Amino acid sequence: MFLRLAEQYRSLVLDLVMSLQALTDSLQARGLTATCYVCGDDQHHQGASFVADLGAAHMVRFRVSDFGISWLESRDGCELVKLEGAEAIQELQRMAAALQQSKEELGLSSISSPVQSPVST
């Protein structure tokens, strides 16, 4: 059972890394500063660090690795929100949904949300 759970977590990390890369591309296309640093090789991503500057000194950082998942939001260098695990993923999804909504309000072509809910097994 533990080996199966470990493999599921590795799969979740891989899915999150790919989603972070897509979200980075989407933010950069909108003219926002965003980066995604990936750890590991092309086939076995072991984690990533995503950072986005949302303007007005508002920054978010999302980290995913074999050691855990975290979300940190700050403004003017002061930490506002720190979330871990499922709550961090939900906040990332909220941000992606807000970006999607604002893009649709601008009348631009619809894109799929880069962050998908993990598949339950």
Protein backbone atom coordinates (compact mmCIF):
# COMPACT_ATOMS: atom_id res chain seq x y z
CA MET A 1 0.00 0.00 0.00
CA PHE A 2 2.77 2.49 0.87
CA LEU A 3 4.54 1.95 -2.44
CA ARG A 4 1.27 2.68 -4.26
CA LEU A 5 0.78 5.88 -2.25
CA ALA A 6 4.35 6.98 -2.94
CA GLU A 7 3.82 6.46 -6.67
CA GLN A 8 0.54 8.40 -6.57
CA TYR A 9 2.31 11.30 -4.84
CA ARG A 10 5.10 11.26 -7.45
CA SER A 11 2.40 11.39 -10.14
CA LEU A 12 0.74 14.34 -8.37
CA VAL A 13 4.08 16.17 -8.22
CA LEU A 14 4.61 15.58 -11.94
CA ASP A 15 1.09 16.87 -12.74
CA LEU A 16 1.63 19.96 -10.60
CA VAL A 17 5.01 20.69 -12.22
CA MET A 18 3.47 20.53 -15.71
CA SER A 19 0.58 22.75 -14.57
CA LEU A 20 2.98 25.28 -13.05
CA GLN A 21 4.90 25.46 -16.31
CA ALA A 22 1.66 26.08 -18.23
CA LEU A 23 0.55 28.71 -15.72
CA THR A 24 3.93 30.43 -16.04
CA ASP A 25 3.55 30.58 -19.83
CA SER A 26 0.01 31.96 -19.47
CA LEU A 27 1.08 34.68 -17.04
CA GLN A 28 4.06 35.66 -19.19
CA ALA A 29 1.75 35.90 -22.23
CA ARG A 30 -0.32 38.41 -20.24
CA GLY A 31 2.77 40.50 -19.55
CA LEU A 32 3.18 39.45 -15.91
CA THR A 33 6.49 38.37 -14.45
CA ALA A 34 6.45 34.66 -13.63
CA THR A 35 9.08 31.96 -13.38
CA CYS A 36 9.04 28.23 -12.82
CA TYR A 37 12.23 26.42 -11.84
CA VAL A 38 12.04 22.64 -12.21
CA CYS A 39 14.17 20.15 -10.29
CA GLY A 40 14.98 16.77 -11.77
CA ASP A 41 15.36 15.52 -15.33
CA ASP A 42 12.92 15.73 -18.24
CA GLN A 43 11.20 12.46 -17.39
CA HIS A 44 11.27 12.50 -13.59
CA HIS A 45 10.46 15.94 -12.26
CA GLN A 46 11.10 15.93 -8.54
CA GLY A 47 9.64 19.33 -7.89
CA ALA A 48 9.30 22.94 -8.91
CA SER A 49 9.30 26.45 -7.54
CA PHE A 50 6.84 28.86 -9.14
CA VAL A 51 7.02 32.60 -8.45
CA ALA A 52 4.72 35.26 -9.90
CA ASP A 53 4.69 39.02 -9.46
CA LEU A 54 1.04 40.04 -9.68
CA GLY A 55 1.76 43.77 -9.52
CA ALA A 56 1.46 46.36 -6.75
CA ALA A 57 4.24 44.55 -4.84
CA HIS A 58 2.00 41.46 -4.64
CA MET A 59 3.88 38.18 -5.06
CA VAL A 60 3.00 34.49 -4.83
CA ARG A 61 5.30 31.50 -4.50
CA PHE A 62 4.18 27.90 -4.92
CA ARG A 63 6.56 25.03 -4.23
CA VAL A 64 6.03 21.35 -4.85
CA SER A 65 8.46 18.52 -4.19
CA ASP A 66 8.76 15.09 -2.67
CA PHE A 67 8.91 16.91 0.67
CA GLY A 68 5.61 18.77 0.41
CA ILE A 69 3.51 21.46 -1.22
CA SER A 70 3.32 25.08 -0.09
CA TRP A 71 1.85 28.45 -1.12
CA LEU A 72 3.23 31.75 0.13
CA GLU A 73 1.61 35.07 -0.69
CA SER A 74 3.23 38.37 0.22
CA ARG A 75 2.82 42.08 -0.34
CA ASP A 76 5.59 44.64 0.09
CA GLY A 77 7.82 41.84 1.37
CA CYS A 78 5.45 40.95 4.22
CA GLU A 79 4.00 37.45 4.37
CA LEU A 80 0.20 37.51 4.03
CA VAL A 81 -0.78 33.87 3.63
CA LYS A 82 1.05 30.58 3.94
CA LEU A 83 -0.76 27.37 3.03
CA GLU A 84 0.34 23.75 2.81
CA GLY A 85 -0.89 20.64 1.00
CA ALA A 86 -4.41 20.57 -0.39
CA GLU A 87 -5.09 24.16 0.71
CA ALA A 88 -2.07 25.33 -1.29
CA ILE A 89 -3.34 23.51 -4.39
CA GLN A 90 -6.81 25.02 -3.95
CA GLU A 91 -5.31 28.53 -3.77
CA LEU A 92 -3.33 27.87 -6.93
CA GLN A 93 -6.55 26.74 -8.64
CA ARG A 94 -8.34 29.88 -7.42
CA MET A 95 -5.63 32.06 -8.94
CA ALA A 96 -5.74 30.14 -12.24
CA ALA A 97 -9.55 30.45 -12.35
CA ALA A 98 -9.35 34.21 -11.69
CA LEU A 99 -6.87 34.58 -14.55
CA GLN A 100 -9.13 32.56 -16.83
CA GLN A 101 -12.14 34.69 -15.91
CA SER A 102 -10.31 37.97 -16.50
CA LYS A 103 -9.06 36.69 -19.84
CA GLU A 104 -12.61 35.80 -20.89
CA GLU A 105 -13.85 39.23 -19.76
CA LEU A 106 -11.30 40.79 -22.08
CA GLY A 107 -12.90 38.87 -24.93
CA LEU A 108 -9.83 36.79 -25.66
CA SER A 109 -9.99 33.20 -26.81
CA SER A 110 -10.79 30.70 -24.11
CA ILE A 111 -7.99 28.53 -22.82
CA SER A 112 -8.23 25.59 -20.50
CA SER A 113 -7.16 26.18 -16.95
CA PRO A 114 -3.53 25.09 -16.56
CA VAL A 115 -4.25 23.68 -13.11
CA GLN A 116 -6.42 20.60 -13.08
CA SER A 117 -7.82 18.87 -10.04
CA PRO A 118 -5.87 15.73 -9.18
CA VAL A 119 -7.57 12.55 -10.30
CA SER A 120 -8.89 10.43 -7.45
CA THR A 121 -8.01 6.77 -7.46
